[in-house]
N, C-alpha and C. Protein backbone atom coordinates (compact mmCIF):
# COMPACT_ATOMS: atom_id res chain seq x y z
N MET A 1 0.85 -1.16 0.00
CA MET A 1 0.00 0.00 0.00
C MET A 1 0.90 1.22 0.00
N HIS A 2 0.61 2.18 -0.85
CA HIS A 2 1.35 3.44 -0.87
C HIS A 2 0.98 4.27 0.34
N HIS A 3 1.79 5.30 0.60
CA HIS A 3 1.54 6.17 1.74
C HIS A 3 0.20 6.87 1.64
N ASP A 4 -0.33 7.02 0.44
CA ASP A 4 -1.63 7.68 0.30
C ASP A 4 -2.79 6.70 0.38
N GLY A 5 -2.50 5.42 0.70
CA GLY A 5 -3.56 4.45 0.91
C GLY A 5 -3.97 3.66 -0.31
N ARG A 6 -3.37 3.94 -1.46
CA ARG A 6 -3.75 3.23 -2.68
C ARG A 6 -3.05 1.88 -2.76
N HIS A 7 -3.72 0.91 -3.36
CA HIS A 7 -3.11 -0.36 -3.73
C HIS A 7 -2.83 -0.25 -5.21
N PRO A 8 -1.59 -0.01 -5.59
CA PRO A 8 -1.30 0.28 -6.99
C PRO A 8 -1.29 -0.96 -7.88
N THR A 9 -1.69 -0.74 -9.10
CA THR A 9 -1.42 -1.68 -10.18
C THR A 9 -0.46 -0.92 -11.07
N SER A 10 0.69 -1.51 -11.28
CA SER A 10 1.77 -0.74 -11.89
C SER A 10 2.39 -1.49 -13.04
N ALA A 11 2.97 -0.74 -13.94
CA ALA A 11 3.75 -1.34 -15.01
C ALA A 11 5.17 -1.58 -14.54
N ALA A 12 5.51 -1.07 -13.35
CA ALA A 12 6.85 -1.30 -12.80
C ALA A 12 6.98 -2.79 -12.47
N PRO A 13 7.89 -3.48 -13.14
CA PRO A 13 7.96 -4.93 -13.00
C PRO A 13 8.61 -5.37 -11.70
N PHE A 14 8.28 -6.60 -11.29
CA PHE A 14 9.07 -7.26 -10.26
C PHE A 14 10.37 -7.64 -10.94
N ALA A 15 11.45 -7.53 -10.24
CA ALA A 15 12.76 -7.80 -10.83
C ALA A 15 12.88 -9.28 -11.19
N ALA A 16 13.21 -9.54 -12.44
CA ALA A 16 13.47 -10.90 -12.86
C ALA A 16 14.97 -11.13 -12.76
N PRO A 17 15.43 -12.27 -12.31
CA PRO A 17 14.68 -13.47 -12.03
C PRO A 17 14.14 -13.53 -10.60
N ASP A 18 14.31 -12.50 -9.81
CA ASP A 18 13.85 -12.51 -8.43
C ASP A 18 12.41 -12.03 -8.33
N LEU A 19 11.51 -12.76 -8.96
CA LEU A 19 10.10 -12.35 -8.96
C LEU A 19 9.50 -12.36 -7.57
N HIS A 20 10.08 -13.10 -6.64
CA HIS A 20 9.55 -13.19 -5.29
C HIS A 20 9.82 -11.92 -4.46
N VAL A 21 10.69 -11.04 -4.96
CA VAL A 21 11.01 -9.79 -4.26
C VAL A 21 10.19 -8.66 -4.86
N CYS A 22 9.42 -7.98 -4.03
CA CYS A 22 8.56 -6.89 -4.50
C CYS A 22 9.38 -5.66 -4.86
N ARG A 23 9.10 -5.12 -6.01
CA ARG A 23 9.75 -3.90 -6.45
C ARG A 23 9.29 -2.70 -5.63
N GLY A 24 8.08 -2.78 -5.08
CA GLY A 24 7.54 -1.67 -4.31
C GLY A 24 8.08 -1.60 -2.90
N CYS A 25 7.93 -2.68 -2.13
CA CYS A 25 8.30 -2.66 -0.71
C CYS A 25 9.58 -3.42 -0.41
N ARG A 26 10.10 -4.17 -1.40
CA ARG A 26 11.34 -4.94 -1.29
C ARG A 26 11.24 -6.17 -0.40
N TRP A 27 10.04 -6.54 0.02
CA TRP A 27 9.84 -7.75 0.82
C TRP A 27 9.62 -8.94 -0.10
N THR A 28 9.81 -10.14 0.42
CA THR A 28 9.71 -11.36 -0.38
C THR A 28 8.33 -12.00 -0.23
N PHE A 29 7.29 -11.23 -0.53
CA PHE A 29 5.92 -11.70 -0.37
C PHE A 29 5.16 -11.72 -1.69
N VAL A 30 5.85 -11.85 -2.80
CA VAL A 30 5.21 -11.85 -4.11
C VAL A 30 4.75 -13.26 -4.44
N VAL A 31 3.50 -13.36 -4.86
CA VAL A 31 2.92 -14.65 -5.24
C VAL A 31 2.22 -14.51 -6.59
N PRO A 32 2.18 -15.59 -7.35
CA PRO A 32 1.41 -15.55 -8.60
C PRO A 32 -0.08 -15.60 -8.27
N VAL A 33 -0.84 -14.76 -8.95
CA VAL A 33 -2.28 -14.70 -8.75
C VAL A 33 -3.00 -15.43 -9.88
N ALA A 34 -2.55 -15.20 -11.11
CA ALA A 34 -3.22 -15.82 -12.25
C ALA A 34 -2.29 -15.87 -13.46
N MET A 35 -2.48 -16.92 -14.26
CA MET A 35 -1.87 -16.95 -15.57
C MET A 35 -2.95 -16.45 -16.53
N ILE A 36 -2.70 -15.32 -17.11
CA ILE A 36 -3.73 -14.65 -17.90
C ILE A 36 -3.78 -15.17 -19.34
N ASP A 37 -2.59 -15.42 -19.92
CA ASP A 37 -2.57 -15.83 -21.32
C ASP A 37 -1.28 -16.58 -21.62
N VAL A 38 -1.34 -17.44 -22.62
CA VAL A 38 -0.15 -18.10 -23.14
C VAL A 38 0.29 -17.29 -24.35
N LEU A 39 1.52 -16.80 -24.30
CA LEU A 39 2.01 -15.93 -25.37
C LEU A 39 2.86 -16.67 -26.39
N GLY A 40 3.30 -17.85 -26.03
CA GLY A 40 4.15 -18.63 -26.91
C GLY A 40 4.46 -19.95 -26.24
N PRO A 41 5.34 -20.72 -26.86
CA PRO A 41 5.64 -22.05 -26.32
C PRO A 41 6.15 -22.02 -24.87
N ASP A 42 6.96 -21.05 -24.52
CA ASP A 42 7.53 -20.97 -23.18
C ASP A 42 7.33 -19.59 -22.56
N ARG A 43 6.28 -18.90 -22.93
CA ARG A 43 6.08 -17.52 -22.46
C ARG A 43 4.62 -17.34 -22.06
N TYR A 44 4.45 -16.74 -20.87
CA TYR A 44 3.11 -16.59 -20.30
C TYR A 44 2.92 -15.18 -19.76
N LEU A 45 1.69 -14.69 -19.87
CA LEU A 45 1.33 -13.42 -19.26
C LEU A 45 0.75 -13.76 -17.90
N VAL A 46 1.44 -13.31 -16.83
CA VAL A 46 1.04 -13.68 -15.47
C VAL A 46 0.80 -12.43 -14.63
N GLU A 47 -0.09 -12.61 -13.67
CA GLU A 47 -0.36 -11.56 -12.69
C GLU A 47 0.32 -11.96 -11.40
N LEU A 48 1.17 -11.07 -10.90
CA LEU A 48 1.88 -11.28 -9.64
C LEU A 48 1.43 -10.21 -8.65
N GLN A 49 1.33 -10.58 -7.38
CA GLN A 49 0.91 -9.61 -6.37
C GLN A 49 1.76 -9.77 -5.12
N CYS A 50 2.12 -8.65 -4.53
CA CYS A 50 2.82 -8.65 -3.26
C CYS A 50 1.76 -8.66 -2.16
N THR A 51 1.82 -9.68 -1.32
CA THR A 51 0.83 -9.79 -0.24
C THR A 51 1.15 -8.86 0.91
N ASN A 52 2.29 -8.19 0.86
CA ASN A 52 2.64 -7.22 1.89
C ASN A 52 2.08 -5.83 1.56
N CYS A 53 2.40 -5.32 0.37
CA CYS A 53 2.00 -3.95 0.04
C CYS A 53 0.86 -3.87 -0.98
N GLY A 54 0.52 -4.99 -1.60
CA GLY A 54 -0.60 -5.00 -2.54
C GLY A 54 -0.23 -4.66 -3.97
N LEU A 55 1.03 -4.39 -4.25
CA LEU A 55 1.44 -4.08 -5.61
C LEU A 55 1.12 -5.26 -6.52
N THR A 56 0.43 -4.97 -7.61
CA THR A 56 0.06 -5.99 -8.58
C THR A 56 0.67 -5.64 -9.92
N VAL A 57 1.27 -6.64 -10.56
CA VAL A 57 1.92 -6.44 -11.85
C VAL A 57 1.48 -7.55 -12.79
N VAL A 58 1.13 -7.18 -14.01
CA VAL A 58 0.82 -8.15 -15.06
C VAL A 58 1.91 -8.00 -16.11
N GLU A 59 2.67 -9.08 -16.31
CA GLU A 59 3.80 -9.05 -17.23
C GLU A 59 4.02 -10.41 -17.87
N PRO A 60 4.68 -10.41 -19.02
CA PRO A 60 5.07 -11.69 -19.62
C PRO A 60 6.36 -12.20 -18.97
N HIS A 61 6.42 -13.52 -18.76
CA HIS A 61 7.62 -14.16 -18.23
C HIS A 61 7.77 -15.52 -18.90
N ASP A 62 9.02 -15.97 -18.99
CA ASP A 62 9.26 -17.28 -19.60
C ASP A 62 9.27 -18.37 -18.54
N ASP A 63 9.26 -19.61 -19.02
CA ASP A 63 9.21 -20.77 -18.14
C ASP A 63 10.32 -20.76 -17.10
N GLN A 64 11.53 -20.44 -17.51
CA GLN A 64 12.68 -20.50 -16.63
C GLN A 64 12.50 -19.57 -15.41
N VAL A 65 12.04 -18.36 -15.63
CA VAL A 65 11.85 -17.39 -14.55
C VAL A 65 10.69 -17.83 -13.65
N LEU A 66 9.62 -18.33 -14.25
CA LEU A 66 8.48 -18.78 -13.45
C LEU A 66 8.82 -20.03 -12.64
N GLU A 67 9.66 -20.91 -13.19
CA GLU A 67 10.11 -22.08 -12.43
C GLU A 67 10.98 -21.66 -11.26
N ALA A 68 11.81 -20.63 -11.46
CA ALA A 68 12.62 -20.11 -10.36
C ALA A 68 11.73 -19.54 -9.26
N LEU A 69 10.66 -18.85 -9.64
CA LEU A 69 9.70 -18.33 -8.65
C LEU A 69 9.05 -19.49 -7.90
N ASP A 70 8.67 -20.53 -8.62
CA ASP A 70 8.04 -21.69 -8.00
C ASP A 70 8.99 -22.37 -7.00
N ARG A 71 10.25 -22.51 -7.39
CA ARG A 71 11.24 -23.10 -6.47
C ARG A 71 11.43 -22.24 -5.23
N GLU A 72 11.47 -20.93 -5.41
CA GLU A 72 11.62 -20.02 -4.27
C GLU A 72 10.42 -20.10 -3.35
N LEU A 73 9.22 -20.16 -3.90
CA LEU A 73 8.01 -20.28 -3.07
C LEU A 73 8.02 -21.62 -2.33
N ASP A 74 8.46 -22.69 -2.97
CA ASP A 74 8.59 -23.99 -2.30
C ASP A 74 9.59 -23.90 -1.15
N ARG A 75 10.71 -23.20 -1.37
CA ARG A 75 11.72 -23.04 -0.33
C ARG A 75 11.16 -22.26 0.85
N GLN A 76 10.39 -21.20 0.57
CA GLN A 76 9.79 -20.41 1.64
C GLN A 76 8.80 -21.24 2.45
N VAL A 77 8.02 -22.07 1.77
CA VAL A 77 7.07 -22.95 2.47
C VAL A 77 7.84 -23.93 3.36
N ALA A 78 8.93 -24.50 2.85
CA ALA A 78 9.74 -25.43 3.64
C ALA A 78 10.32 -24.72 4.86
N ASP A 79 10.77 -23.48 4.69
CA ASP A 79 11.29 -22.70 5.82
C ASP A 79 10.21 -22.46 6.87
N MET A 80 8.99 -22.16 6.42
CA MET A 80 7.89 -21.94 7.37
C MET A 80 7.54 -23.22 8.10
N ARG A 81 7.54 -24.34 7.39
CA ARG A 81 7.26 -25.63 8.04
C ARG A 81 8.32 -25.96 9.09
N ALA A 82 9.58 -25.71 8.75
CA ALA A 82 10.67 -25.97 9.71
C ALA A 82 10.53 -25.08 10.93
N ALA A 83 10.19 -23.81 10.72
CA ALA A 83 10.00 -22.89 11.86
C ALA A 83 8.82 -23.34 12.72
N LEU A 84 7.76 -23.82 12.09
CA LEU A 84 6.60 -24.31 12.83
C LEU A 84 6.98 -25.54 13.66
N GLU A 85 7.77 -26.44 13.09
CA GLU A 85 8.20 -27.62 13.84
C GLU A 85 9.03 -27.22 15.05
N VAL A 86 9.94 -26.27 14.89
CA VAL A 86 10.74 -25.79 16.02
C VAL A 86 9.84 -25.20 17.09
N TRP A 87 8.87 -24.40 16.67
CA TRP A 87 7.93 -23.79 17.62
C TRP A 87 7.15 -24.87 18.36
N GLU A 88 6.66 -25.88 17.64
CA GLU A 88 5.88 -26.95 18.27
C GLU A 88 6.72 -27.72 19.30
N VAL A 89 7.96 -28.05 18.95
CA VAL A 89 8.83 -28.78 19.88
C VAL A 89 9.10 -27.91 21.11
N THR A 90 9.37 -26.63 20.90
CA THR A 90 9.62 -25.71 22.01
C THR A 90 8.40 -25.61 22.92
N ARG A 91 7.24 -25.49 22.32
CA ARG A 91 6.00 -25.40 23.10
C ARG A 91 5.76 -26.68 23.90
N GLN A 92 5.99 -27.83 23.28
CA GLN A 92 5.82 -29.10 23.98
C GLN A 92 6.81 -29.23 25.14
N ALA A 93 8.05 -28.81 24.94
CA ALA A 93 9.04 -28.85 26.02
C ALA A 93 8.63 -27.94 27.17
N GLU A 94 8.08 -26.77 26.84
CA GLU A 94 7.61 -25.86 27.89
C GLU A 94 6.44 -26.47 28.65
N GLU A 95 5.55 -27.17 27.96
CA GLU A 95 4.42 -27.83 28.64
C GLU A 95 4.91 -28.95 29.56
N VAL A 96 5.90 -29.73 29.11
CA VAL A 96 6.46 -30.78 29.95
C VAL A 96 7.11 -30.16 31.19
N ASP A 97 7.87 -29.09 30.99
CA ASP A 97 8.51 -28.41 32.12
C ASP A 97 7.47 -27.87 33.10
N ALA A 98 6.40 -27.28 32.59
CA ALA A 98 5.35 -26.75 33.46
C ALA A 98 4.65 -27.88 34.21
N PHE A 99 4.41 -29.00 33.56
CA PHE A 99 3.78 -30.15 34.21
C PHE A 99 4.70 -30.71 35.30
N ALA A 100 5.98 -30.84 34.99
CA ALA A 100 6.94 -31.35 35.98
C ALA A 100 7.02 -30.41 37.18
N GLN A 101 7.01 -29.12 36.92
CA GLN A 101 7.05 -28.14 38.01
C GLN A 101 5.78 -28.23 38.86
N ALA A 102 4.64 -28.40 38.21
CA ALA A 102 3.37 -28.54 38.94
C ALA A 102 3.38 -29.80 39.80
N LEU A 103 3.94 -30.89 39.29
CA LEU A 103 4.07 -32.11 40.08
C LEU A 103 4.99 -31.89 41.29
N GLN A 104 6.10 -31.25 41.03
CA GLN A 104 7.07 -30.98 42.10
C GLN A 104 6.49 -30.08 43.18
N ASP A 105 5.66 -29.14 42.80
CA ASP A 105 5.06 -28.20 43.75
C ASP A 105 3.76 -28.73 44.35
N ASP A 106 3.44 -29.99 44.09
CA ASP A 106 2.23 -30.63 44.61
C ASP A 106 0.93 -29.95 44.16
N HIS A 107 0.93 -29.39 42.96
CA HIS A 107 -0.29 -28.81 42.41
C HIS A 107 -1.15 -29.86 41.70
N ILE A 108 -0.55 -31.01 41.44
CA ILE A 108 -1.28 -32.09 40.79
C ILE A 108 -1.27 -33.28 41.74
N LEU A 109 -2.45 -33.77 42.04
CA LEU A 109 -2.61 -34.87 42.98
C LEU A 109 -3.14 -36.11 42.25
N PRO A 110 -3.00 -37.30 42.84
CA PRO A 110 -3.51 -38.52 42.19
C PRO A 110 -4.98 -38.43 41.83
N GLU A 111 -5.75 -37.76 42.66
CA GLU A 111 -7.20 -37.67 42.35
C GLU A 111 -7.51 -36.74 41.18
N ASP A 112 -6.49 -36.04 40.65
CA ASP A 112 -6.68 -35.22 39.46
C ASP A 112 -6.77 -36.06 38.19
N PHE A 113 -6.45 -37.36 38.34
CA PHE A 113 -6.46 -38.24 37.16
C PHE A 113 -7.62 -39.11 37.15
């Protein structure tokens, strides 16, 4: 979003081959929205949007650049899954520690089960 509140649609392209990096806000939140047209054997007109600032761009790109975007999006998803797994393990360890502390402090009795 621009400072004046607009969500621009711009001819300013996302930098190729780094289509995942927004030209507007420079964050890596660009995702493909739609393939609008097939322009040739290896060329497509695609709509890309930054989910951070809302910048939307419709441009032609070839297979190689779009495959690089797809690989980058897959890598980002894998990174998010790994971060989620770390968070889950950390949360579970904290729950075990809290349960052990409750047992030690006699907050949990046999009749609680």
